[in-house]
Amino acid sequence: MDMTNNGNLVAFRPDIKVMDCTLRDGGLVNDFFFADEFVKDLYKANVKAGVDYMEFGYKASKDIFDVKDFGKWKFCDEEHIRAIVGDNNTELKISVMADVGRTDYKRDILERKDSVIDLIRTACYIHQIPAAIEMAEDAKAKGYETSINIMAVSKVSDDELNSGLKLIAESGGIDTIYLVDSFGSFYPEQIERLADKYVSIARASGKTVGIHAHNNQQLAFANTISAMRRGVSLLDATVSGMGRGAGNCFMESLLGFLKNPKYNLVPVMDLVEQHILKMKEDGVIWGYDIPYLLTGIFNSHPRSAIKFLKDGRTDYAKLQQELMDND
């Protein structure tokens, strides 16, 4: 793979792929209760926009999560995906996420020949990497593309991260390693250093690297571009940044930036006009706000900011003190 244009923001890089995570990360905002019309229009928009992958949601275990409490994209049953995409006779690939400890992967992830899904992304924390590798290798044996997404690496020591990445690199069942800024706490300089580490380890074992950034400090787009400049090639984004808490890298920003002529921003802007504005009018809330900024600054899980906003609080300085006390 020719990576001579890593740091060139004008050149077209054919290795770059865009992943739409609107249903999966955005589903954390509304418990995955998306209208079928929205899901169909999002799928069509991604196809028209030239997006490479669309993540439909999670493969969560129905033994752990009550189906009455969540929309269908928490579970991504095969028939529900096919009701949207048919046989998916398009260039767009379909992804789902499987959490370690929350997915009955042997039962619920079918053989690839029986599924319209292309990519299984396994999400784990650093101590769960051996279990994640087992899951990813199972998916690879079934015929899928695979990734491992290590969450909350901002809380992980260098030694632990190096050991975890080495384990993943040694597995032949994993195609992509994801750098995840779970708490939106990283700055571009930190992302560049981490990207260098991930890319160096991944390339040595024939793997690629992806980036999934959160927008707590309004840096999700900047961090995504910084990672791309260092050789990261799978870029996650969501329409209007829809995602838990502060949300994610805006798809509108990313497609507007990338130089590949296959990408087309217009279908995504049309989707925003047709659906996203109405969602916000109906009270679905996500996006940058001071409480999320504070959890990003203090490298904290956004749950405290989510509760702060849900309680209608505006005493930001007190929240800062609370986060400092918990640091």
C-alpha atoms as a PDB file:
ATOM      1  CA  MET A   1       0.000   0.000   0.000  1.00  0.00           C
ATOM      2  CA  ASP A   2       1.420   3.360  -1.025  1.00  0.00           C
ATOM      3  CA  MET A   3       1.198   5.656   1.982  1.00  0.00           C
ATOM      4  CA  THR A   4       3.394   8.470   0.688  1.00  0.00           C
ATOM      5  CA  ASN A   5       0.456  10.892   0.887  1.00  0.00           C
ATOM      6  CA  ASN A   6      -0.236  10.277   4.603  1.00  0.00           C
ATOM      7  CA  GLY A   7       0.382  13.880   5.576  1.00  0.00           C
ATOM      8  CA  ASN A   8      -0.938  15.550   2.436  1.00  0.00           C
ATOM      9  CA  LEU A   9      -4.375  17.089   2.992  1.00  0.00           C
ATOM     10  CA  VAL A  10      -4.891  17.758  -0.718  1.00  0.00           C
ATOM     11  CA  ALA A  11      -4.004  14.386  -2.231  1.00  0.00           C
ATOM     12  CA  PHE A  12      -6.580  11.648  -2.748  1.00  0.00           C
ATOM     13  CA  ARG A  13      -5.840   8.531  -0.675  1.00  0.00           C
ATOM     14  CA  PRO A  14      -7.480   5.397  -2.079  1.00  0.00           C
ATOM     15  CA  ASP A  15      -7.063   3.529   1.220  1.00  0.00           C
ATOM     16  CA  ILE A  16      -9.477   5.880   3.027  1.00  0.00           C
ATOM     17  CA  LYS A  17     -12.871   4.366   3.907  1.00  0.00           C
ATOM     18  CA  VAL A  18     -15.766   6.118   5.653  1.00  0.00           C
ATOM     19  CA  MET A  19     -17.959   4.366   8.224  1.00  0.00           C
ATOM     20  CA  ASP A  20     -21.404   5.779   9.069  1.00  0.00           C
ATOM     21  CA  CYS A  21     -22.224   4.989  12.730  1.00  0.00           C
ATOM     22  CA  THR A  22     -25.435   7.038  12.980  1.00  0.00           C
ATOM     23  CA  LEU A  23     -27.706   4.113  13.868  1.00  0.00           C
ATOM     24  CA  ARG A  24     -25.261   2.511  16.289  1.00  0.00           C
ATOM     25  CA  ASP A  25     -23.825   5.469  18.210  1.00  0.00           C
ATOM     26  CA  GLY A  26     -26.923   7.585  17.582  1.00  0.00           C
ATOM     27  CA  GLY A  27     -29.028   4.742  18.910  1.00  0.00           C
ATOM     28  CA  LEU A  28     -27.493   5.335  22.333  1.00  0.00           C
ATOM     29  CA  VAL A  29     -29.405   8.651  22.338  1.00  0.00           C
ATOM     30  CA  ASN A  30     -32.890   7.228  21.688  1.00  0.00           C
ATOM     31  CA  ASP A  31     -32.533   3.571  22.753  1.00  0.00           C
ATOM     32  CA  PHE A  32     -32.444   2.609  19.057  1.00  0.00           C
ATOM     33  CA  PHE A  33     -36.060   3.593  18.406  1.00  0.00           C
ATOM     34  CA  PHE A  34     -35.557   4.859  14.861  1.00  0.00           C
ATOM     35  CA  ALA A  35     -38.456   4.990  12.440  1.00  0.00           C
ATOM     36  CA  ASP A  36     -38.097   2.576   9.520  1.00  0.00           C
ATOM     37  CA  GLU A  37     -38.473   5.506   7.135  1.00  0.00           C
ATOM     38  CA  PHE A  38     -35.429   7.191   8.667  1.00  0.00           C
ATOM     39  CA  VAL A  39     -33.341   4.015   8.486  1.00  0.00           C
ATOM     40  CA  LYS A  40     -34.273   3.450   4.837  1.00  0.00           C
ATOM     41  CA  ASP A  41     -33.520   7.058   3.940  1.00  0.00           C
ATOM     42  CA  LEU A  42     -30.202   6.927   5.830  1.00  0.00           C
ATOM     43  CA  TYR A  43     -29.235   3.781   3.926  1.00  0.00           C
ATOM     44  CA  LYS A  44     -30.144   5.389   0.586  1.00  0.00           C
ATOM     45  CA  ALA A  45     -28.262   8.576   1.519  1.00  0.00           C
ATOM     46  CA  ASN A  46     -25.130   6.608   2.414  1.00  0.00           C
ATOM     47  CA  VAL A  47     -25.283   4.724  -0.884  1.00  0.00           C
ATOM     48  CA  LYS A  48     -25.687   7.948  -2.863  1.00  0.00           C
ATOM     49  CA  ALA A  49     -23.002   9.713  -0.827  1.00  0.00           C
ATOM     50  CA  GLY A  50     -20.432   6.999  -1.573  1.00  0.00           C
ATOM     51  CA  VAL A  51     -20.013   6.059   2.105  1.00  0.00           C
ATOM     52  CA  ASP A  52     -18.132   2.761   2.375  1.00  0.00           C
ATOM     53  CA  TYR A  53     -19.703   1.159   5.457  1.00  0.00           C
ATOM     54  CA  MET A  54     -22.969   1.643   7.348  1.00  0.00           C
ATOM     55  CA  GLU A  55     -23.170   0.332  10.906  1.00  0.00           C
ATOM     56  CA  PHE A  56     -26.727  -0.727  11.691  1.00  0.00           C
ATOM     57  CA  GLY A  57     -26.336  -1.128  15.450  1.00  0.00           C
ATOM     58  CA  TYR A  58     -25.392  -3.780  17.978  1.00  0.00           C
ATOM     59  CA  LYS A  59     -25.668  -7.543  18.112  1.00  0.00           C
ATOM     60  CA  ALA A  60     -26.790  -7.453  21.751  1.00  0.00           C
ATOM     61  CA  SER A  61     -27.920 -10.574  23.551  1.00  0.00           C
ATOM     62  CA  LYS A  62     -31.679 -10.823  24.141  1.00  0.00           C
ATOM     63  CA  ASP A  63     -30.866 -12.824  27.265  1.00  0.00           C
ATOM     64  CA  ILE A  64     -29.237  -9.728  28.744  1.00  0.00           C
ATOM     65  CA  PHE A  65     -31.303  -6.880  27.238  1.00  0.00           C
ATOM     66  CA  ASP A  66     -35.116  -6.844  27.182  1.00  0.00           C
ATOM     67  CA  VAL A  67     -36.378  -6.361  23.637  1.00  0.00           C
ATOM     68  CA  LYS A  68     -39.253  -4.248  25.007  1.00  0.00           C
ATOM     69  CA  ASP A  69     -36.795  -1.638  26.253  1.00  0.00           C
ATOM     70  CA  PHE A  70     -34.989  -1.047  22.961  1.00  0.00           C
ATOM     71  CA  GLY A  71     -35.557  -0.566  19.264  1.00  0.00           C
ATOM     72  CA  LYS A  72     -34.628  -3.296  16.783  1.00  0.00           C
ATOM     73  CA  TRP A  73     -31.158  -1.887  16.050  1.00  0.00           C
ATOM     74  CA  LYS A  74     -29.949  -2.883  19.518  1.00  0.00           C
ATOM     75  CA  PHE A  75     -30.142  -6.462  18.232  1.00  0.00           C
ATOM     76  CA  CYS A  76     -29.804  -6.221  14.419  1.00  0.00           C
ATOM     77  CA  ASP A  77     -31.717  -9.355  13.546  1.00  0.00           C
ATOM     78  CA  GLU A  78     -30.989 -10.491  10.016  1.00  0.00           C
ATOM     79  CA  GLU A  79     -34.583 -10.067   8.839  1.00  0.00           C
ATOM     80  CA  HIS A  80     -34.707  -6.487  10.098  1.00  0.00           C
ATOM     81  CA  ILE A  81     -31.577  -5.501   8.197  1.00  0.00           C
ATOM     82  CA  ARG A  82     -32.827  -7.244   5.057  1.00  0.00           C
ATOM     83  CA  ALA A  83     -36.131  -5.380   5.341  1.00  0.00           C
ATOM     84  CA  ILE A  84     -34.096  -2.217   4.756  1.00  0.00           C
ATOM     85  CA  VAL A  85     -31.424  -3.341   2.299  1.00  0.00           C
ATOM     86  CA  GLY A  86     -32.755  -6.483   0.620  1.00  0.00           C
ATOM     87  CA  ASP A  87     -29.669  -8.295  -0.632  1.00  0.00           C
ATOM     88  CA  ASN A  88     -27.755  -4.978  -0.542  1.00  0.00           C
ATOM     89  CA  ASN A  89     -26.776  -4.984  -4.196  1.00  0.00           C
ATOM     90  CA  THR A  90     -24.687  -1.840  -3.737  1.00  0.00           C
ATOM     91  CA  GLU A  91     -21.069  -0.869  -3.096  1.00  0.00           C
ATOM     92  CA  LEU A  92     -21.957  -0.030   0.531  1.00  0.00           C
ATOM     93  CA  LYS A  93     -20.878  -2.616   3.104  1.00  0.00           C
ATOM     94  CA  ILE A  94     -22.898  -3.354   6.239  1.00  0.00           C
ATOM     95  CA  SER A  95     -21.445  -3.463   9.730  1.00  0.00           C
ATOM     96  CA  VAL A  96     -22.658  -4.337  13.219  1.00  0.00           C
ATOM     97  CA  MET A  97     -20.956  -4.003  16.601  1.00  0.00           C
ATOM     98  CA  ALA A  98     -20.629  -6.801  19.140  1.00  0.00           C
ATOM     99  CA  ASP A  99     -19.668  -5.913  22.728  1.00  0.00           C
ATOM    100  CA  VAL A 100     -17.597  -8.372  24.732  1.00  0.00           C
ATOM    101  CA  GLY A 101     -19.813  -9.808  27.462  1.00  0.00           C
ATOM    102  CA  ARG A 102     -23.007  -8.473  25.918  1.00  0.00           C
ATOM    103  CA  THR A 103     -23.257 -10.566  22.764  1.00  0.00           C
ATOM    104  CA  ASP A 104     -24.088 -14.242  22.297  1.00  0.00           C
ATOM    105  CA  TYR A 105     -21.887 -14.286  19.239  1.00  0.00           C
ATOM    106  CA  LYS A 106     -21.906 -18.033  18.667  1.00  0.00           C
ATOM    107  CA  ARG A 107     -25.699 -18.006  18.454  1.00  0.00           C
ATOM    108  CA  ASP A 108     -26.563 -14.581  17.075  1.00  0.00           C
ATOM    109  CA  ILE A 109     -23.796 -14.012  14.496  1.00  0.00           C
ATOM    110  CA  LEU A 110     -24.695 -16.226  11.548  1.00  0.00           C
ATOM    111  CA  GLU A 111     -22.371 -17.693   8.967  1.00  0.00           C
ATOM    112  CA  ARG A 112     -21.441 -14.962   6.496  1.00  0.00           C
ATOM    113  CA  LYS A 113     -23.029 -16.899   3.621  1.00  0.00           C
ATOM    114  CA  ASP A 114     -26.385 -16.607   5.415  1.00  0.00           C
ATOM    115  CA  SER A 115     -26.077 -12.907   6.243  1.00  0.00           C
ATOM    116  CA  VAL A 116     -26.123  -9.565   4.468  1.00  0.00           C
ATOM    117  CA  ILE A 117     -23.626  -8.216   7.051  1.00  0.00           C
ATOM    118  CA  ASP A 118     -20.028  -7.718   5.875  1.00  0.00           C
ATOM    119  CA  LEU A 119     -18.116  -6.514   8.943  1.00  0.00           C
ATOM    120  CA  ILE A 120     -18.292  -7.487  12.619  1.00  0.00           C
ATOM    121  CA  ARG A 121     -16.733  -4.882  14.919  1.00  0.00           C
ATOM    122  CA  THR A 122     -15.882  -6.214  18.378  1.00  0.00           C
ATOM    123  CA  ALA A 123     -15.750  -3.610  21.161  1.00  0.00           C
ATOM    124  CA  CYS A 124     -13.835  -4.242  24.369  1.00  0.00           C
ATOM    125  CA  TYR A 125     -11.927  -2.687  27.229  1.00  0.00           C
ATOM    126  CA  ILE A 126      -8.219  -3.364  27.610  1.00  0.00           C
ATOM    127  CA  HIS A 127      -8.679  -6.273  30.047  1.00  0.00           C
ATOM    128  CA  GLN A 128     -11.160  -7.922  27.662  1.00  0.00           C
ATOM    129  CA  ILE A 129      -8.809  -8.165  24.686  1.00  0.00           C
ATOM    130  CA  PRO A 130      -8.356 -11.970  24.908  1.00  0.00           C
ATOM    131  CA  ALA A 131     -12.149 -12.405  24.848  1.00  0.00           C
ATOM    132  CA  ALA A 132     -12.421  -9.888  21.977  1.00  0.00           C
ATOM    133  CA  ILE A 133      -9.840 -11.811  19.954  1.00  0.00           C
ATOM    134  CA  GLU A 134     -11.841 -15.014  20.481  1.00  0.00           C
ATOM    135  CA  MET A 135     -14.988 -13.259  19.226  1.00  0.00           C
ATOM    136  CA  ALA A 136     -13.241 -11.687  16.247  1.00  0.00           C
ATOM    137  CA  GLU A 137     -11.620 -14.973  15.262  1.00  0.00           C
ATOM    138  CA  ASP A 138     -15.041 -16.641  15.397  1.00  0.00           C
ATOM    139  CA  ALA A 139     -16.424 -13.954  13.059  1.00  0.00           C
ATOM    140  CA  LYS A 140     -13.432 -14.300  10.715  1.00  0.00           C
ATOM    141  CA  ALA A 141     -13.927 -18.082  10.605  1.00  0.00           C
ATOM    142  CA  LYS A 142     -17.562 -17.470   9.643  1.00  0.00           C
ATOM    143  CA  GLY A 143     -16.375 -15.357   6.710  1.00  0.00           C
ATOM    144  CA  TYR A 144     -16.671 -11.740   7.921  1.00  0.00           C
ATOM    145  CA  GLU A 145     -14.369  -8.777   7.865  1.00  0.00           C
ATOM    146  CA  THR A 146     -13.385  -8.012  11.465  1.00  0.00           C
ATOM    147  CA  SER A 147     -12.172  -5.245  13.734  1.00  0.00           C
ATOM    148  CA  ILE A 148     -11.406  -4.791  17.403  1.00  0.00           C
ATOM    149  CA  ASN A 149     -12.274  -1.437  18.937  1.00  0.00           C
ATOM    150  CA  ILE A 150     -10.409  -0.859  22.210  1.00  0.00           C
ATOM    151  CA  MET A 151     -12.482   1.534  24.297  1.00  0.00           C
ATOM    152  CA  ALA A 152     -11.363   4.063  26.923  1.00  0.00           C
ATOM    153  CA  VAL A 153      -7.679   3.976  25.951  1.00  0.00           C
ATOM    154  CA  SER A 154      -7.308   7.416  27.566  1.00  0.00           C
ATOM    155  CA  LYS A 155      -7.429   5.496  30.875  1.00  0.00           C
ATOM    156  CA  VAL A 156      -4.873   2.877  29.819  1.00  0.00           C
ATOM    157  CA  SER A 157      -1.145   2.905  30.565  1.00  0.00           C
ATOM    158  CA  ASP A 158       1.366   2.694  27.718  1.00  0.00           C
ATOM    159  CA  ASP A 159       2.564  -0.722  28.879  1.00  0.00           C
ATOM    160  CA  GLU A 160      -0.963  -2.131  28.968  1.00  0.00           C
ATOM    161  CA  LEU A 161      -1.796  -0.662  25.574  1.00  0.00           C
ATOM    162  CA  ASN A 162       1.405  -1.979  23.995  1.00  0.00           C
ATOM    163  CA  SER A 163       0.687  -5.454  25.366  1.00  0.00           C
ATOM    164  CA  GLY A 164      -2.914  -5.356  24.152  1.00  0.00           C
ATOM    165  CA  LEU A 165      -2.005  -4.175  20.680  1.00  0.00           C
ATOM    166  CA  LYS A 166       0.665  -6.883  20.455  1.00  0.00           C
ATOM    167  CA  LEU A 167      -1.930  -9.555  21.249  1.00  0.00           C
ATOM    168  CA  ILE A 168      -4.261  -8.232  18.544  1.00  0.00           C
ATOM    169  CA  ALA A 169      -1.432  -7.987  16.024  1.00  0.00           C
ATOM    170  CA  GLU A 170      -0.548 -11.629  16.598  1.00  0.00           C
ATOM    171  CA  SER A 171      -4.065 -12.792  15.686  1.00  0.00           C
ATOM    172  CA  GLY A 172      -4.775 -13.677  12.084  1.00  0.00           C
ATOM    173  CA  GLY A 173      -8.492 -13.192  12.643  1.00  0.00           C
ATOM    174  CA  ILE A 174      -8.520  -9.395  12.855  1.00  0.00           C
ATOM    175  CA  ASP A 175      -8.395  -7.023   9.891  1.00  0.00           C
ATOM    176  CA  THR A 176      -8.578  -3.621  11.595  1.00  0.00           C
ATOM    177  CA  ILE A 177      -7.633  -2.129  14.956  1.00  0.00           C
ATOM    178  CA  TYR A 178      -9.659   0.897  16.036  1.00  0.00           C
ATOM    179  CA  LEU A 179      -8.306   3.846  17.966  1.00  0.00           C
ATOM    180  CA  VAL A 180     -11.247   5.040  20.078  1.00  0.00           C
ATOM    181  CA  ASP A 181     -11.447   8.344  21.981  1.00  0.00           C
ATOM    182  CA  SER A 182     -14.295   7.189  24.218  1.00  0.00           C
ATOM    183  CA  PHE A 183     -14.394  10.254  26.453  1.00  0.00           C
ATOM    184  CA  GLY A 184     -13.482  12.907  23.886  1.00  0.00           C
ATOM    185  CA  SER A 185     -10.450  13.743  26.013  1.00  0.00           C
ATOM    186  CA  PHE A 186      -7.638  13.543  23.457  1.00  0.00           C
ATOM    187  CA  TYR A 187      -6.083  16.464  21.581  1.00  0.00           C
ATOM    188  CA  PRO A 188      -4.749  16.167  18.026  1.00  0.00           C
ATOM    189  CA  GLU A 189      -1.135  15.870  19.184  1.00  0.00           C
ATOM    190  CA  GLN A 190      -2.056  12.919  21.398  1.00  0.00           C
ATOM    191  CA  ILE A 191      -4.079  11.321  18.610  1.00  0.00           C
ATOM    192  CA  GLU A 192      -1.097  11.630  16.267  1.00  0.00           C
ATOM    193  CA  ARG A 193       1.197   9.863  18.740  1.00  0.00           C
ATOM    194  CA  LEU A 194      -1.339   7.092  19.307  1.00  0.00           C
ATOM    195  CA  ALA A 195      -2.026   6.758  15.588  1.00  0.00           C
ATOM    196  CA  ASP A 196       1.709   6.321  14.961  1.00  0.00           C
ATOM    197  CA  LYS A 197       1.762   3.511  17.528  1.00  0.00           C
ATOM    198  CA  TYR A 198      -1.348   1.771  16.176  1.00  0.00           C
ATOM    199  CA  VAL A 199      -0.326   2.113  12.516  1.00  0.00           C
ATOM    200  CA  SER A 200       3.202   0.854  13.134  1.00  0.00           C
ATOM    201  CA  ILE A 201       1.946  -2.250  14.940  1.00  0.00           C
ATOM    202  CA  ALA A 202      -0.926  -2.849  12.524  1.00  0.00           C
ATOM    203  CA  ARG A 203       1.083  -2.539   9.311  1.00  0.00           C
ATOM    204  CA  ALA A 204       3.712  -4.939  10.567  1.00  0.00           C
ATOM    205  CA  SER A 205       0.994  -7.598  10.803  1.00  0.00           C
ATOM    206  CA  GLY A 206      -0.883  -6.639   7.621  1.00  0.00           C
ATOM    207  CA  LYS A 207      -3.748  -4.859   9.382  1.00  0.00           C
ATOM    208  CA  THR A 208      -5.332  -1.446   8.978  1.00  0.00           C
ATOM    209  CA  VAL A 209      -6.312   1.141  11.607  1.00  0.00           C
ATOM    210  CA  GLY A 210      -9.558   3.030  12.178  1.00  0.00           C
ATOM    211  CA  ILE A 211     -10.515   6.067  14.294  1.00  0.00           C
ATOM    212  CA  HIS A 212     -13.693   6.662  16.288  1.00  0.00           C
ATOM    213  CA  ALA A 213     -13.712  10.112  17.915  1.00  0.00           C
ATOM    214  CA  HIS A 214     -16.118  11.816  20.334  1.00  0.00           C
ATOM    215  CA  ASN A 215     -16.812  15.529  20.297  1.00  0.00           C
ATOM    216  CA  ASN A 216     -16.660  16.541  23.976  1.00  0.00           C
ATOM    217  CA  GLN A 217     -14.070  19.239  23.280  1.00  0.00           C
ATOM    218  CA  GLN A 218     -15.271  19.928  19.716  1.00  0.00           C
ATOM    219  CA  LEU A 219     -12.240  18.023  18.421  1.00  0.00           C
ATOM    220  CA  ALA A 220     -13.805  14.915  16.865  1.00  0.00           C
ATOM    221  CA  PHE A 221     -13.322  16.161  13.295  1.00  0.00           C
ATOM    222  CA  ALA A 222      -9.840  17.562  13.994  1.00  0.00           C
ATOM    223  CA  ASN A 223      -8.793  14.331  15.693  1.00  0.00           C
ATOM    224  CA  THR A 224     -10.166  12.241  12.835  1.00  0.00           C
ATOM    225  CA  ILE A 225      -8.186  14.272  10.301  1.00  0.00           C
ATOM    226  CA  SER A 226      -5.070  14.162  12.482  1.00  0.00           C
ATOM    227  CA  ALA A 227      -5.306  10.364  12.639  1.00  0.00           C
ATOM    228  CA  MET A 228      -5.851  10.170   8.888  1.00  0.00           C
ATOM    229  CA  ARG A 229      -2.677  12.185   8.299  1.00  0.00           C
ATOM    230  CA  ARG A 230      -0.723   9.556  10.252  1.00  0.00           C
ATOM    231  CA  GLY A 231      -1.972   6.645   8.132  1.00  0.00           C
ATOM    232  CA  VAL A 232      -5.298   5.733   9.764  1.00  0.00           C
ATOM    233  CA  SER A 233      -7.628   4.710   6.954  1.00  0.00           C
ATOM    234  CA  LEU A 234     -11.078   3.826   8.370  1.00  0.00           C
ATOM    235  CA  LEU A 235     -12.839   6.987   9.503  1.00  0.00           C
ATOM    236  CA  ASP A 236     -15.996   6.899  11.634  1.00  0.00           C
ATOM    237  CA  ALA A 237     -18.609   9.659  11.479  1.00  0.00           C
ATOM    238  CA  THR A 238     -22.324  10.188  12.096  1.00  0.00           C
ATOM    239  CA  VAL A 239     -24.875  12.427  10.441  1.00  0.00           C
ATOM    240  CA  SER A 240     -24.831  15.769  12.292  1.00  0.00           C
ATOM    241  CA  GLY A 241     -22.548  14.107  14.839  1.00  0.00           C
ATOM    242  CA  MET A 242     -25.449  12.101  16.310  1.00  0.00           C
ATOM    243  CA  GLY A 243     -24.177   9.960  19.173  1.00  0.00           C
ATOM    244  CA  ARG A 244     -24.112   9.498  22.919  1.00  0.00           C
ATOM    245  CA  GLY A 245     -23.515  12.687  24.850  1.00  0.00           C
ATOM    246  CA  ALA A 246     -21.429  15.127  22.846  1.00  0.00           C
ATOM    247  CA  GLY A 247     -21.689  12.923  19.771  1.00  0.00           C
ATOM    248  CA  ASN A 248     -19.145  12.160  17.092  1.00  0.00           C
ATOM    249  CA  CYS A 249     -17.310  13.485  14.067  1.00  0.00           C
ATOM    250  CA  PHE A 250     -19.850  15.127  11.737  1.00  0.00           C
ATOM    251  CA  MET A 251     -20.347  13.194   8.506  1.00  0.00           C
ATOM    252  CA  GLU A 252     -21.037  16.531   6.818  1.00  0.00           C
ATOM    253  CA  SER A 253     -17.593  17.817   7.829  1.00  0.00           C
ATOM    254  CA  LEU A 254     -15.780  14.633   6.847  1.00  0.00           C
ATOM    255  CA  LEU A 255     -17.337  14.215   3.395  1.00  0.00           C
ATOM    256  CA  GLY A 256     -16.847  17.911   2.730  1.00  0.00           C
ATOM    257  CA  PHE A 257     -13.165  17.524   3.521  1.00  0.00           C
ATOM    258  CA  LEU A 258     -12.173  14.277   1.796  1.00  0.00           C
ATOM    259  CA  LYS A 259     -10.731  14.597  -1.675  1.00  0.00           C
ATOM    260  CA  ASN A 260     -12.033  11.343  -3.155  1.00  0.00           C
ATOM    261  CA  PRO A 261     -14.507  12.327  -5.908  1.00  0.00           C
ATOM    262  CA  LYS A 262     -16.668   9.294  -5.067  1.00  0.00           C
ATOM    263  CA  TYR A 263     -17.951  11.084  -1.949  1.00  0.00           C
ATOM    264  CA  ASN A 264     -20.982  13.340  -2.358  1.00  0.00           C
ATOM    265  CA  LEU A 265     -22.151  15.601   0.467  1.00  0.00           C
ATOM    266  CA  VAL A 266     -25.542  16.499  -1.035  1.00  0.00           C
ATOM    267  CA  PRO A 267     -27.470  13.321  -0.031  1.00  0.00           C
ATOM    268  CA  VAL A 268     -26.354  13.740   3.580  1.00  0.00           C
ATOM    269  CA  MET A 269     -27.441  17.392   3.686  1.00  0.00           C
ATOM    270  CA  ASP A 270     -30.798  16.332   2.231  1.00  0.00           C
ATOM    271  CA  LEU A 271     -31.160  13.744   5.008  1.00  0.00           C
ATOM    272  CA  VAL A 272     -30.446  16.392   7.632  1.00  0.00           C
ATOM    273  CA  GLU A 273     -33.172  18.577   6.151  1.00  0.00           C
ATOM    274  CA  GLN A 274     -35.661  15.731   5.908  1.00  0.00           C
ATOM    275  CA  HIS A 275     -35.075  13.975   9.242  1.00  0.00           C
ATOM    276  CA  ILE A 276     -32.441  15.347  11.616  1.00  0.00           C
ATOM    277  CA  LEU A 277     -34.028  18.767  12.097  1.00  0.00           C
ATOM    278  CA  LYS A 278     -37.330  17.074  12.990  1.00  0.00           C
ATOM    279  CA  MET A 279     -35.591  14.742  15.437  1.00  0.00           C
ATOM    280  CA  LYS A 280     -34.145  17.701  17.280  1.00  0.00           C
ATOM    281  CA  GLU A 281     -37.507  19.491  17.266  1.00  0.00           C
ATOM    282  CA  ASP A 282     -39.027  16.354  18.797  1.00  0.00           C
ATOM    283  CA  GLY A 283     -36.579  16.550  21.704  1.00  0.00           C
ATOM    284  CA  VAL A 284     -33.860  14.069  20.778  1.00  0.00           C
ATOM    285  CA  ILE A 285     -30.777  15.642  22.336  1.00  0.00           C
ATOM    286  CA  TRP A 286     -27.084  15.201  21.553  1.00  0.00           C
ATOM    287  CA  GLY A 287     -24.081  17.364  20.806  1.00  0.00           C
ATOM    288  CA  TYR A 288     -21.483  19.602  22.372  1.00  0.00           C
ATOM    289  CA  ASP A 289     -22.400  21.306  25.643  1.00  0.00           C
ATOM    290  CA  ILE A 290     -20.405  22.598  28.612  1.00  0.00           C
ATOM    291  CA  PRO A 291     -20.992  19.488  30.778  1.00  0.00           C
ATOM    292  CA  TYR A 292     -19.531  17.293  28.032  1.00  0.00           C
ATOM    293  CA  LEU A 293     -16.641  19.699  27.631  1.00  0.00           C
ATOM    294  CA  LEU A 294     -15.888  19.231  31.323  1.00  0.00           C
ATOM    295  CA  THR A 295     -16.016  15.432  31.204  1.00  0.00           C
ATOM    296  CA  GLY A 296     -13.675  15.616  28.205  1.00  0.00           C
ATOM    297  CA  ILE A 297     -11.242  17.882  30.015  1.00  0.00           C
ATOM    298  CA  PHE A 298     -11.238  15.593  33.056  1.00  0.00           C
ATOM    299  CA  ASN A 299     -11.105  12.374  30.997  1.00  0.00           C
ATOM    300  CA  SER A 300     -14.331  11.149  32.578  1.00  0.00           C
ATOM    301  CA  HIS A 301     -17.197   9.001  31.349  1.00  0.00           C
ATOM    302  CA  PRO A 302     -20.016  11.240  30.047  1.00  0.00           C
ATOM    303  CA  ARG A 303     -22.630   9.640  32.326  1.00  0.00           C
ATOM    304  CA  SER A 304     -22.217  12.450  34.884  1.00  0.00           C
ATOM    305  CA  ALA A 305     -22.807  15.078  32.178  1.00  0.00           C
ATOM    306  CA  ILE A 306     -25.802  13.173  30.821  1.00  0.00           C
ATOM    307  CA  LYS A 307     -27.342  13.103  34.317  1.00  0.00           C
ATOM    308  CA  PHE A 308     -26.464  16.773  34.872  1.00  0.00           C
ATOM    309  CA  LEU A 309     -28.395  17.776  31.756  1.00  0.00           C
ATOM    310  CA  LYS A 310     -31.261  15.381  32.457  1.00  0.00           C
ATOM    311  CA  ASP A 311     -31.650  16.960  35.906  1.00  0.00           C
ATOM    312  CA  GLY A 312     -31.876  20.411  34.320  1.00  0.00           C
ATOM    313  CA  ARG A 313     -28.815  21.698  36.159  1.00  0.00           C
ATOM    314  CA  THR A 314     -26.830  24.714  35.001  1.00  0.00           C
ATOM    315  CA  ASP A 315     -24.335  25.017  37.895  1.00  0.00           C
ATOM    316  CA  TYR A 316     -21.372  24.248  35.665  1.00  0.00           C
ATOM    317  CA  ALA A 317     -18.720  25.331  38.145  1.00  0.00           C
ATOM    318  CA  LYS A 318     -20.123  22.900  40.717  1.00  0.00           C
ATOM    319  CA  LEU A 319     -19.983  20.090  38.156  1.00  0.00           C
ATOM    320  CA  GLN A 320     -16.345  20.977  37.523  1.00  0.00           C
ATOM    321  CA  GLN A 321     -15.621  20.651  41.236  1.00  0.00           C
ATOM    322  CA  GLU A 322     -17.438  17.322  41.371  1.00  0.00           C
ATOM    323  CA  LEU A 323     -15.359  16.006  38.478  1.00  0.00           C
ATOM    324  CA  MET A 324     -12.176  17.286  40.112  1.00  0.00           C
ATOM    325  CA  ASP A 325     -13.122  15.513  43.354  1.00  0.00           C
ATOM    326  CA  ASN A 326     -13.616  12.257  41.440  1.00  0.00           C
ATOM    327  CA  ASP A 327     -10.397  12.580  39.454  1.00  0.00           C
END
